[in-house]
Structure formats: structure tokens, C-alpha cells
Protein backbone atom coordinates (compact mmCIF):
# COMPACT_ATOMS: atom_id res chain seq x y z
CA UNK A 1 -80.28 31.27 -2.07
CA UNK A 2 -82.28 31.79 1.13
CA UNK A 3 -85.35 33.97 1.26
CA UNK A 4 -85.38 36.89 3.65
CA UNK A 5 -87.59 35.03 6.14
CA UNK A 6 -85.40 31.91 5.98
CA UNK A 7 -82.42 34.16 6.73
CA UNK A 8 -84.17 35.50 9.83
CA UNK A 9 -84.92 31.95 10.98
CA UNK A 10 -81.30 30.89 10.52
CA UNK A 11 -80.04 33.95 12.39
CA UNK A 12 -82.32 33.11 15.32
CA UNK A 13 -81.05 29.53 15.29
CA UNK A 14 -77.47 30.84 15.31
CA UNK A 15 -78.43 33.06 18.23
CA UNK A 16 -79.81 30.08 20.16
CA UNK A 17 -76.67 28.03 19.56
CA UNK A 18 -73.94 30.64 19.92
CA UNK A 19 -75.21 33.96 21.33
CA UNK A 20 -77.19 32.94 24.38
CA UNK A 21 -80.74 33.48 23.11
CA UNK A 22 -82.94 32.05 25.86
CA UNK A 23 -86.47 32.62 24.55
CA UNK A 24 -88.12 33.23 21.19
CA UNK A 25 -91.80 33.95 21.73
CA UNK A 26 -94.96 35.70 20.60
CA UNK A 27 -98.38 34.96 19.17
CA UNK A 28 -98.21 31.68 17.16
CA UNK A 29 -94.40 31.87 17.26
CA UNK A 30 -93.93 28.37 18.68
CA UNK A 31 -95.03 25.05 17.22
CA UNK A 32 -96.91 24.04 15.22
CA UNK A 33 -97.13 27.26 13.19
CA UNK A 34 -93.70 28.79 13.72
CA UNK A 35 -94.92 32.31 13.07
CA UNK A 36 -97.40 33.71 10.57
CA UNK A 37 -94.55 34.14 8.06
CA UNK A 38 -92.58 31.03 9.26
CA UNK A 39 -89.77 33.10 10.78
CA UNK A 40 -89.55 30.88 13.87
CA UNK A 41 -90.15 27.36 12.56
CA UNK A 42 -88.04 24.70 14.22
CA UNK A 43 -86.41 26.91 16.86
CA UNK A 44 -85.81 25.05 20.09
CA UNK A 45 -86.56 28.01 22.38
CA UNK A 46 -89.74 29.15 20.56
CA UNK A 47 -93.00 29.23 22.49
CA UNK A 48 -96.48 30.70 22.10
CA UNK A 49 -97.63 33.69 24.14
CA UNK A 50 -101.13 34.97 24.81
CA UNK A 51 -102.52 37.56 22.40
CA UNK A 52 -101.24 40.48 24.44
CA UNK A 53 -98.63 42.81 22.94
CA UNK A 54 -98.04 44.70 26.20
CA UNK A 55 -97.62 41.36 27.95
CA UNK A 56 -95.12 40.25 25.31
CA UNK A 57 -93.00 43.38 25.81
CA UNK A 58 -93.27 43.20 29.59
CA UNK A 59 -92.27 39.53 29.60
CA UNK A 60 -89.27 40.27 27.38
CA UNK A 61 -88.14 43.01 29.75
CA UNK A 62 -88.52 40.70 32.74
CA UNK A 63 -86.49 37.96 31.05
CA UNK A 64 -83.77 40.48 30.22
CA UNK A 65 -83.69 41.82 33.80
CA UNK A 66 -83.24 38.24 35.02
CA UNK A 67 -80.19 37.75 32.79
CA UNK A 68 -81.85 36.22 29.73
CA UNK A 69 -81.57 37.27 26.12
CA UNK A 70 -85.08 37.15 24.58
CA UNK A 71 -86.35 37.66 21.07
CA UNK A 72 -90.06 38.40 20.89
CA UNK A 73 -92.39 39.03 18.00
CA UNK A 74 -95.32 41.35 17.52
CA UNK A 75 -97.31 39.54 14.86
CA UNK A 76 -97.86 42.67 12.72
CA UNK A 77 -96.43 46.13 13.36
CA UNK A 78 -99.97 47.53 13.34
CA UNK A 79 -100.32 46.07 16.84
CA UNK A 80 -97.11 47.62 18.14
CA UNK A 81 -99.27 50.63 18.97
CA UNK A 82 -100.82 48.50 21.72
CA UNK A 83 -97.44 48.36 23.45
CA UNK A 84 -95.83 51.69 22.67
CA UNK A 85 -95.82 52.72 26.35
CA UNK A 86 -93.89 49.55 27.21
CA UNK A 87 -91.48 50.24 24.37
CA UNK A 88 -90.86 53.70 25.80
CA UNK A 89 -90.05 52.14 29.19
CA UNK A 90 -87.70 49.58 27.65
CA UNK A 91 -85.88 52.32 25.79
CA UNK A 92 -85.06 54.38 28.87
CA UNK A 93 -83.83 51.62 31.20
CA UNK A 94 -80.12 51.65 30.35
CA UNK A 95 -80.08 55.45 30.41
CA UNK A 96 -82.01 55.65 33.68
CA UNK A 97 -79.62 53.20 35.34
CA UNK A 98 -76.49 54.94 33.98
CA UNK A 99 -75.66 51.74 32.15
CA UNK A 100 -76.15 49.59 35.23
CA UNK A 101 -78.92 47.48 33.67
CA UNK A 102 -78.70 46.21 30.12
CA UNK A 103 -81.89 45.68 28.12
CA UNK A 104 -80.85 43.08 25.49
CA UNK A 105 -84.25 42.47 23.94
CA UNK A 106 -85.00 42.04 20.26
CA UNK A 107 -88.50 42.77 18.99
CA UNK A 108 -89.31 41.54 15.49
CA UNK A 109 -92.39 42.66 13.60
CA UNK A 110 -93.52 42.59 9.94
CA UNK A 111 -93.81 46.08 8.46
CA UNK A 112 -95.48 47.82 5.56
CA UNK A 113 -97.69 47.00 2.60
CA UNK A 114 -97.35 44.70 -0.38
CA UNK A 115 -99.41 41.65 0.61
CA UNK A 116 -102.91 43.17 0.40
CA UNK A 117 -103.17 42.99 4.17
CA UNK A 118 -105.83 45.69 4.35
CA UNK A 119 -106.29 48.32 7.02
CA UNK A 120 -105.11 46.28 10.03
CA UNK A 121 -102.06 44.58 8.48
CA UNK A 122 -100.40 47.15 6.21
CA UNK A 123 -99.06 49.98 8.36
CA UNK A 124 -95.48 51.17 8.45
CA UNK A 125 -93.99 51.76 11.87
CA UNK A 126 -90.49 53.14 11.33
CA UNK A 127 -91.39 56.82 11.72
CA UNK A 128 -93.09 56.14 15.05
CA UNK A 129 -90.21 53.90 16.10
CA UNK A 130 -87.60 56.54 15.29
CA UNK A 131 -89.02 58.61 18.17
CA UNK A 132 -88.47 55.80 20.72
CA UNK A 133 -85.33 57.13 22.31
CA UNK A 134 -83.06 54.35 23.57
CA UNK A 135 -84.04 51.89 20.84
CA UNK A 136 -82.11 50.86 17.77
CA UNK A 137 -84.27 50.26 14.69
CA UNK A 138 -83.23 48.24 11.65
CA UNK A 139 -84.98 47.19 8.44
CA UNK A 140 -83.29 44.82 5.97
CA UNK A 141 -84.12 44.69 2.29
CA UNK A 142 -82.41 41.39 1.42
CA UNK A 143 -81.66 38.01 2.98
CA UNK A 144 -77.97 38.48 3.80
CA UNK A 145 -78.60 41.82 5.49
CA UNK A 146 -81.50 40.28 7.42
CA UNK A 147 -79.18 37.56 8.73
CA UNK A 148 -76.47 40.05 9.68
CA UNK A 149 -78.79 42.61 11.24
CA UNK A 150 -80.64 40.04 13.37
CA UNK A 151 -77.33 38.70 14.69
CA UNK A 152 -76.19 42.27 15.42
CA UNK A 153 -79.48 42.92 17.22
CA UNK A 154 -79.10 39.80 19.39
CA UNK A 155 -75.58 40.82 20.42
CA UNK A 156 -76.58 44.40 21.31
CA UNK A 157 -77.17 45.35 24.99
CA UNK A 158 -79.88 47.83 23.96
CA UNK A 159 -83.42 47.06 22.83
CA UNK A 160 -83.50 46.59 19.07
CA UNK A 161 -86.57 46.68 16.85
CA UNK A 162 -86.24 44.58 13.69
CA UNK A 163 -88.79 45.71 11.10
CA UNK A 164 -89.28 43.04 8.43
CA UNK A 165 -90.75 44.27 5.11
CA UNK A 166 -93.67 41.92 4.48
CA UNK A 167 -93.50 42.28 0.71
CA UNK A 168 -89.89 41.02 0.63
CA UNK A 169 -90.10 38.11 3.07
CA UNK A 170 -90.34 35.51 0.27
CA UNK A 171 -87.73 37.24 -1.90
CA UNK A 172 -84.60 35.16 -2.47
CA UNK A 173 -81.26 36.80 -1.90
CA UNK A 174 -78.45 37.01 -4.43
CA UNK A 175 -75.65 36.27 -1.93
CA UNK A 176 -75.15 33.15 0.15
CA UNK A 177 -75.44 33.35 3.91
CA UNK A 178 -72.24 31.92 5.47
CA UNK A 179 -72.85 28.17 5.88
CA UNK A 180 -75.97 28.09 3.70
CA UNK A 181 -76.10 25.36 1.04
CA UNK A 182 -75.92 26.73 -2.49
CA UNK A 183 -79.03 24.83 -3.61
CA UNK A 184 -82.18 26.64 -2.37
CA UNK A 185 -84.24 23.47 -2.69
CA UNK A 186 -81.81 21.66 -0.40
CA UNK A 187 -82.10 24.49 2.13
CA UNK A 188 -85.89 24.23 1.97
CA UNK A 189 -85.76 20.49 2.63
CA UNK A 190 -83.49 21.12 5.59
CA UNK A 191 -85.28 23.91 7.44
CA UNK A 192 -88.83 24.38 6.08
CA UNK A 193 -91.55 22.54 7.99
CA UNK A 194 -93.85 20.33 5.90
CA UNK A 195 -97.44 21.30 5.25
CA UNK A 196 -99.77 19.23 7.40
CA UNK A 197 -98.63 17.05 10.28
CA UNK A 198 -95.42 18.41 11.81
CA UNK A 199 -95.43 16.33 14.99
CA UNK A 200 -92.42 14.26 13.93
CA UNK A 201 -90.55 16.97 12.04
CA UNK A 202 -87.27 18.54 13.13
CA UNK A 203 -85.08 20.89 11.09
CA UNK A 204 -81.62 19.91 9.88
CA UNK A 205 -79.77 23.16 10.35
CA UNK A 206 -76.78 23.94 8.12
CA UNK A 207 -73.44 24.73 9.75
CA UNK A 208 -74.04 28.47 9.94
CA UNK A 209 -71.30 31.01 10.55
CA UNK A 210 -71.43 34.39 12.23
CA UNK A 211 -72.03 37.36 9.97
CA UNK A 212 -72.75 40.80 11.42
CA UNK A 213 -74.06 43.92 9.71
CA UNK A 214 -73.10 46.67 12.18
CA UNK A 215 -76.18 48.62 13.22
CA UNK A 216 -75.92 52.14 11.84
CA UNK A 217 -74.14 51.28 8.58
CA UNK A 218 -75.82 51.83 5.23
CA UNK A 219 -75.01 50.16 1.93
CA UNK A 220 -74.35 51.80 -1.43
CA UNK A 221 -76.22 49.42 -3.74
CA UNK A 222 -75.84 51.53 -6.90
CA UNK A 223 -73.17 54.14 -7.55
CA UNK A 224 -73.50 57.24 -9.70
CA UNK A 225 -73.18 61.00 -10.01
CA UNK A 226 -76.59 62.29 -11.13
CA UNK A 227 -78.47 62.19 -7.80
CA UNK A 228 -78.64 60.49 -4.41
CA UNK A 229 -81.58 58.23 -3.59
CA UNK A 230 -82.00 57.03 0.00
CA UNK A 231 -84.41 54.22 0.82
CA UNK A 232 -84.87 51.01 2.81
CA UNK A 233 -87.18 48.02 3.10
CA UNK A 234 -89.80 47.38 0.37
CA UNK A 235 -89.02 50.49 -1.68
CA UNK A 236 -85.25 49.89 -1.85
CA UNK A 237 -85.40 47.29 -4.67
CA UNK A 238 -87.77 49.60 -6.56
CA UNK A 239 -85.19 52.40 -6.38
CA UNK A 240 -82.42 50.09 -7.57
CA UNK A 241 -84.56 48.85 -10.48
CA UNK A 242 -85.54 52.39 -11.46
CA UNK A 243 -81.88 53.47 -11.35
CA UNK A 244 -80.96 50.65 -13.73
CA UNK A 245 -83.77 51.57 -16.13
CA UNK A 246 -82.93 55.28 -16.15
CA UNK A 247 -79.25 54.51 -16.72
CA UNK A 248 -80.17 52.53 -19.84
CA UNK A 249 -82.66 55.12 -21.10
CA UNK A 250 -80.87 58.39 -20.34
CA UNK A 251 -77.37 57.62 -19.10
CA UNK A 252 -78.19 59.01 -15.67
CA UNK A 253 -76.45 57.28 -12.78
CA UNK A 254 -77.59 57.33 -9.17
CA UNK A 255 -76.14 56.69 -5.76
CA UNK A 256 -78.82 54.39 -4.31
CA UNK A 257 -78.31 54.01 -0.57
CA UNK A 258 -79.92 51.23 1.44
CA UNK A 259 -80.15 52.82 4.87
CA UNK A 260 -80.61 49.41 6.62
CA UNK A 261 -80.69 51.14 10.03
CA UNK A 262 -83.36 53.73 10.80
CA UNK A 263 -81.57 54.61 14.03
CA UNK A 264 -78.70 55.06 14.35
CA UNK A 265 -78.40 55.82 10.65
CA UNK A 266 -75.40 56.26 8.39
CA UNK A 267 -75.34 60.01 7.94
CA UNK A 268 -71.71 59.95 6.81
CA UNK A 269 -72.69 57.85 3.78
CA UNK A 270 -75.64 60.12 2.93
CA UNK A 271 -73.62 63.30 3.48
CA UNK A 272 -70.74 62.22 1.26
CA UNK A 273 -73.16 61.25 -1.51
CA UNK A 274 -75.13 64.51 -1.38
CA UNK A 275 -71.89 66.47 -1.46
CA UNK A 276 -70.97 64.58 -4.64
CA UNK A 277 -74.31 64.67 -6.49
CA UNK A 278 -76.02 67.85 -5.19
CA UNK A 279 -79.43 66.18 -5.49
CA UNK A 280 -81.37 64.13 -2.91
CA UNK A 281 -84.52 62.01 -3.04
CA UNK A 282 -85.71 60.02 0.00
CA UNK A 283 -88.18 57.19 -0.70
CA UNK A 284 -90.22 55.11 1.74
CA UNK A 285 -93.79 53.85 2.16
CA UNK A 286 -94.71 55.35 5.54
CA UNK A 287 -97.37 58.06 5.58
CA UNK A 288 -96.18 61.46 4.46
CA UNK A 289 -96.86 63.64 7.53
CA UNK A 290 -94.01 63.60 10.10
CA UNK A 291 -92.35 60.87 8.10
CA UNK A 292 -88.79 59.78 8.98
CA UNK A 293 -87.75 60.81 5.48
CA UNK A 294 -88.64 64.39 6.38
CA UNK A 295 -86.03 64.27 9.15
CA UNK A 296 -83.37 63.24 6.63
CA UNK A 297 -84.52 66.04 4.31
CA UNK A 298 -84.32 68.62 7.10
CA UNK A 299 -80.81 67.53 8.03
CA UNK A 300 -79.70 67.63 4.41
CA UNK A 301 -80.98 71.21 4.07
CA UNK A 302 -79.34 72.23 7.35
CA UNK A 303 -75.94 70.77 6.53
CA UNK A 304 -75.82 70.83 2.71
CA UNK A 305 -77.82 73.89 1.70
CA UNK A 306 -74.98 75.27 -0.43
CA UNK A 307 -74.12 71.85 -1.87
CA UNK A 308 -77.62 71.24 -3.24
CA UNK A 309 -78.16 72.01 -6.92
CA UNK A 310 -81.96 71.57 -6.82
CA UNK A 311 -84.52 71.29 -4.07
CA UNK A 312 -84.36 67.95 -2.21
CA UNK A 313 -87.56 65.97 -2.08
CA UNK A 314 -89.32 62.92 -0.71
CA UNK A 315 -91.60 60.22 -2.10
CA UNK A 316 -93.76 58.70 0.64
CA UNK A 317 -97.06 56.96 1.30
CA UNK A 318 -100.31 58.90 1.28
CA UNK A 319 -101.59 60.31 4.55
CA UNK A 320 -104.62 58.04 4.84
CA UNK A 321 -105.84 56.11 7.91
CA UNK A 322 -105.26 52.72 6.32
CA UNK A 323 -104.69 50.76 3.16
CA UNK A 324 -107.62 49.01 1.51
CA UNK A 325 -107.50 45.33 0.65
CA UNK A 326 -108.38 46.07 -2.98
CA UNK A 327 -105.20 45.96 -5.07
CA UNK A 328 -105.98 49.35 -6.60
CA UNK A 329 -106.29 50.96 -3.17
CA UNK A 330 -103.00 49.49 -2.00
CA UNK A 331 -101.11 50.48 -5.13
CA UNK A 332 -102.38 54.04 -4.87
CA UNK A 333 -101.56 54.35 -1.16
CA UNK A 334 -97.83 53.56 -1.18
CA UNK A 335 -95.09 54.22 -3.79
CA UNK A 336 -94.89 51.82 -6.74
CA UNK A 337 -92.15 51.36 -9.34
CA UNK A 338 -93.63 53.85 -11.80
CA UNK A 339 -93.86 56.58 -9.16
CA UNK A 340 -90.31 55.91 -7.97
CA UNK A 341 -88.99 56.06 -11.54
CA UNK A 342 -90.83 59.33 -12.23
CA UNK A 343 -89.56 60.95 -9.02
CA UNK A 344 -86.00 59.95 -9.93
CA UNK A 345 -86.50 61.20 -13.47
CA UNK A 346 -87.71 64.59 -12.21
CA UNK A 347 -84.83 65.16 -9.82
CA UNK A 348 -82.30 64.11 -12.45
CA UNK A 349 -83.77 66.33 -15.20
CA UNK A 350 -84.43 69.49 -13.19
CA UNK A 351 -82.03 72.27 -14.26
CA UNK A 352 -79.58 73.39 -11.58
């Protein structure tokens, strides 16, 4: 089974071959490195840009205006703040032109904690991104969804931000990508660049097929009646694992929803689940003040006040300026499995 980052690479290759991708670029995106996390190894349109996030966004917009279909990368989402004014401009172009000018750019960037990246490489960006009107924002939590969401992003005429959870990039999926060989070692031999001299290396791409995860659709990864848990990215597998443990220990069952798209998001899926369970917990690792999860909580209270059996709640990252490199600092800055399990236990056990 492919890892999440291999899935991204294969989706970009499919985009080059079948969807008209003209440029894949960013800092260290081209050869020989192929991206800090190897997401762009072996791609024929990949090239290296200067270390200039505003320049990367501006170049992508120019390519799109000229009829191209670019995919660019900001090396870590922490540095997206350097280009947020350009992102605002990109987001308003289709609206400002009454649909006369498409803006088919894809911006990929690694997001969140989990690799001990310290203060400059551990931020979450989805709450900031959710305020960028005109953008679509997605965050996969597994390899197959990563493949399908990247292909959906490439096909979209709007700017799309693909947030890649750093902690999950090396996580193998449990479902085959269409066209992927069943043997993960064979896939690695085909598409992973060797360590050392890569001057004579070229990937042997599998015969990949199109697979699209429509932007704005969530996924019900666990089904139950005790409470609804909404998450995405790094914390989604933690929620699923905690749901399994609590089902064995107490018989509680949870609807665990993988949001997949931050905007537009699948409110119909959330709404139907909250109506059924009467309890809602939103989990993510972004900082807790003006967090995107708070928006979901507000909407749930507005629309489901009389359906809720207990107060809805969130579990989020601490409101601190950064995350320390020390493992203890990181683990105490963003939600871990034990905290997720305890938050789910509390909402399940609270009397109605």
C-alpha cells in the first residue's frame, strides 16, 4: 500500500499525464531532492524556485492567467504567512471577474505537528486558511483520500490549498490506489528515488487511473450512536483509535467523521450525525483561539440547540506561539491519543 506522500506524488504524475498540469514548482521541489518530503520526486514538470513564497504564489497566478495549470508548494505551512496577501488576491480573482478568469492553481504545503519540527515547522494553518474567501481547502488523513483530493484540486477552476499532515506522510494506506501495485516494496522500487546519486534515475510509473474525492464531502470512518466526533488530518486516526478502544471497554459507539475538506465542508453529514447522537466533539491540533472547530461548534449550537443532549465541545491545540522541539513540549502542545480518548469518554458519559 502507498504512503500518503507517495499517493500525492502519483496524483501529481496523473495530473501531468492526463489533466494538463504544466508546472510543479517550489523550493527544492525539482531534482535532485524532489521536495523535503519527496512529494515531487520524478515529476517531469517539477522545477526549483527561489526561496520566495510571495514569488511562488505570484508565479502560479501568472501561469494560470496565461492558460497553464500549475501546482506549487510552500515548503512548510509556517511560511504561508509570508504570502497571505497574495493568497487573498488569488482567492478573489474569479469573483472579481464574474467568472471571466479562472484561477486553477493548487498550493500544497505540509501542516501541523508530529515530527518535532520545533517553532518554525509545526504550525497548523487551516483556521487561517478558512478565512481566505475564494479558496477551497482540503486535508487528507490517508493515502487514497490524498490521491483523490489532489486530483480533484487539479481539476478545479478555483485556487485550492492542499494541507498535508506532516505526521501522516509516511503512513501507509489500507486501500489500494487505482493502478497501484499491491506490493508496497514493488511500488517503492518503481517510484522512490535512490539515496545518493540520482543523475541516471527515472521513475517507472504504474498505470494509474483517475480517482476523485469531491471537494466538500466528508467520510464516516466509524459509525455509532453515542456521540459525534468530527476531525481531520493528524488527529483523525487518533479519534478512530479512541473510538475502537472505548467501544471495547464500555460499549460506546461513535460517529467519527473525517471532514477531509475544511472549505467547503460537509455540513449535511455533520448535521445528520448530530441529530442522531445529540452529542458533538470537534478535534484538531490548531491553536484554540478562533479555531476552525469553534465555527463548527457555533453552527451546531445555532442549528441543533434543541437536538443536543449535552454541551458540545472542542479539543484543540494550546494557544502558544510555537511548539518546542523537545518531545515533551510537542506532546503537551497538541492533542495526543490519551487526551482524545478522555474527551470522548467525558462526552459519552455526561448525563443528558
